[in-house]
Structure formats: C-alpha cells, structure tokens
Amino acid sequence: MPQQKKSQVRFAFKTKLIEWRGPAPFVYAPVPAEHVEELRRVAKVVSYGWGCVPVEAKINGTTFTTSLFPKDDTYLLPLKIAVRRKTNVTVGDNIAVVMTIDAVRL
C-alpha cells in the first residue's frame, strides 16, 4: 500500500466581504480570480463533496477552520459570526486573508 504524503497549499489575498442570501452565515470573502484555477486543481484532491474545500484561514490575527465552496466563477470563504466578532469585520470591509489547505498525495 503506498504511503500518503501531506503537503500544504497556501494562498494570501485581499478581498471585500459580501453578503449573500445562500446558506448561513451569509457573509463571505470571495477568493480573487487569480487564485481560482489553482484552487480548482487542489479541490480535485481534497474536496469532500459539492466542490467544498476544507481550509484553515487567518484574518486579523484570528485563525479558524471552515470550508470554501464554489459559487459562480470563484470560491467563497464563509465567515461565521464568532469569527466576524473576533476580527471586527463586516460586510463591505476590505480584508487580508491567509489560507492554508492540507493536500494529501499518494
């Protein structure tokens, strides 16, 4: 049986928070277009369904785990209310995000 190797893919970007009346929590950080192609490649390895991608993200010094999900031509990073309170951000704010994805390769 082949041994699995774990590697990490890291993204850093700035984006503007949006509100979308989809599934809760309604506030999202859209991933900029220049990262989408690489995210799609990584998603083929790590997605657990519907194209969702588990990530660890850091905003304003606060690190949290969540899952990106595909929407239109990008991915959305959901921000739960607990994260928004800790980071003091809301819809319309410009934020800096550092995001890490653990990718397992055979």
Protein backbone atom coordinates (compact mmCIF):
# COMPACT_ATOMS: atom_id res chain seq x y z
CA MET A 1 0.00 0.00 0.00
CA PRO A 2 1.50 3.39 -0.98
CA GLN A 3 2.33 5.82 1.79
CA GLN A 4 0.46 9.13 1.77
CA LYS A 5 2.41 12.39 1.76
CA LYS A 6 0.86 15.52 3.17
CA SER A 7 1.62 18.90 1.65
CA GLN A 8 0.15 22.33 2.16
CA VAL A 9 -1.04 24.86 -0.36
CA ARG A 10 -1.05 28.46 0.86
CA PHE A 11 -2.94 31.44 -0.52
CA ALA A 12 -2.71 35.07 0.59
CA PHE A 13 -5.06 37.68 -0.80
CA LYS A 14 -7.11 40.80 -0.16
CA THR A 15 -10.84 40.87 -0.79
CA LYS A 16 -14.04 42.72 0.08
CA LEU A 17 -16.62 40.98 2.29
CA ILE A 18 -20.00 40.38 0.70
CA GLU A 19 -23.43 39.30 1.87
CA TRP A 20 -25.17 36.50 0.02
CA ARG A 21 -28.54 35.07 0.93
CA GLY A 22 -27.43 31.50 0.45
CA PRO A 23 -26.70 29.09 3.27
CA ALA A 24 -25.83 30.66 6.64
CA PRO A 25 -23.65 32.55 7.72
CA PHE A 26 -24.47 34.98 4.84
CA VAL A 27 -21.11 36.84 4.99
CA TYR A 28 -18.33 35.67 2.70
CA ALA A 29 -14.87 36.58 1.48
CA PRO A 30 -14.74 35.89 -2.27
CA VAL A 31 -11.44 34.42 -3.44
CA PRO A 32 -9.90 36.66 -6.14
CA ALA A 33 -9.93 35.33 -9.72
CA GLU A 34 -6.14 34.91 -9.89
CA HIS A 35 -6.32 32.05 -7.33
CA VAL A 36 -9.33 30.17 -8.69
CA GLU A 37 -7.54 27.96 -11.22
CA GLU A 38 -5.09 26.65 -8.60
CA LEU A 39 -7.95 26.17 -6.12
CA ARG A 40 -9.82 24.06 -8.66
CA ARG A 41 -6.75 21.83 -9.08
CA VAL A 42 -6.39 21.43 -5.32
CA ALA A 43 -10.14 20.81 -4.93
CA LYS A 44 -9.85 17.70 -7.11
CA VAL A 45 -7.65 16.18 -4.38
CA VAL A 46 -9.23 17.50 -1.16
CA SER A 47 -12.91 18.19 -1.89
CA TYR A 48 -15.31 16.17 0.23
CA GLY A 49 -18.41 16.83 -1.86
CA TRP A 50 -20.13 19.52 -3.89
CA GLY A 51 -16.70 21.03 -4.53
CA CYS A 52 -16.23 22.12 -0.89
CA VAL A 53 -12.60 22.60 0.15
CA PRO A 54 -11.56 22.41 3.84
CA VAL A 55 -9.22 25.27 4.80
CA GLU A 56 -7.53 26.95 7.72
CA ALA A 57 -7.82 30.71 7.36
CA LYS A 58 -6.35 33.66 9.22
CA ILE A 59 -7.86 37.16 9.33
CA ASN A 60 -6.68 39.97 11.61
CA GLY A 61 -4.64 37.52 13.69
CA THR A 62 -7.54 35.09 14.19
CA THR A 63 -7.13 31.56 12.82
CA PHE A 64 -10.16 29.37 12.14
CA THR A 65 -11.20 26.34 10.10
CA THR A 66 -14.03 26.24 7.60
CA SER A 67 -14.69 25.11 4.04
CA LEU A 68 -14.68 27.10 0.84
CA PHE A 69 -17.45 26.39 -1.57
CA PRO A 70 -17.71 27.11 -5.27
CA LYS A 71 -20.06 29.89 -6.34
CA ASP A 72 -20.27 31.12 -9.93
CA ASP A 73 -16.67 31.61 -11.12
CA THR A 74 -14.96 31.71 -7.71
CA TYR A 75 -14.92 30.20 -4.24
CA LEU A 76 -16.45 31.78 -1.15
CA LEU A 77 -14.85 31.73 2.29
CA PRO A 78 -17.67 31.79 4.88
CA LEU A 79 -17.21 33.95 7.97
CA LYS A 80 -19.26 32.84 10.96
CA ILE A 81 -20.45 35.48 13.37
CA ALA A 82 -17.91 34.35 16.01
CA VAL A 83 -15.08 34.97 13.54
CA ARG A 84 -16.51 38.34 12.46
CA ARG A 85 -16.77 39.44 16.09
CA LYS A 86 -13.20 38.38 16.93
CA THR A 87 -11.80 40.04 13.82
CA ASN A 88 -14.11 43.08 13.97
CA VAL A 89 -15.14 42.84 10.30
CA THR A 90 -18.46 43.15 8.49
CA VAL A 91 -19.99 43.34 5.01
CA GLY A 92 -18.18 45.83 2.79
CA ASP A 93 -14.88 45.69 4.70
CA ASN A 94 -11.66 45.04 2.77
CA ILE A 95 -9.70 42.29 4.48
CA ALA A 96 -6.44 40.36 4.11
CA VAL A 97 -6.72 36.57 4.22
CA VAL A 98 -4.06 33.89 4.58
CA MET A 99 -5.45 30.48 3.81
CA THR A 100 -3.88 27.01 4.02
CA ILE A 101 -5.16 23.78 2.51
CA ASP A 102 -3.78 20.39 3.51
CA ALA A 103 -3.41 18.26 0.41
CA VAL A 104 -2.76 14.53 0.67
CA ARG A 105 -0.93 12.89 -2.22
CA LEU A 106 -0.25 9.25 -2.87
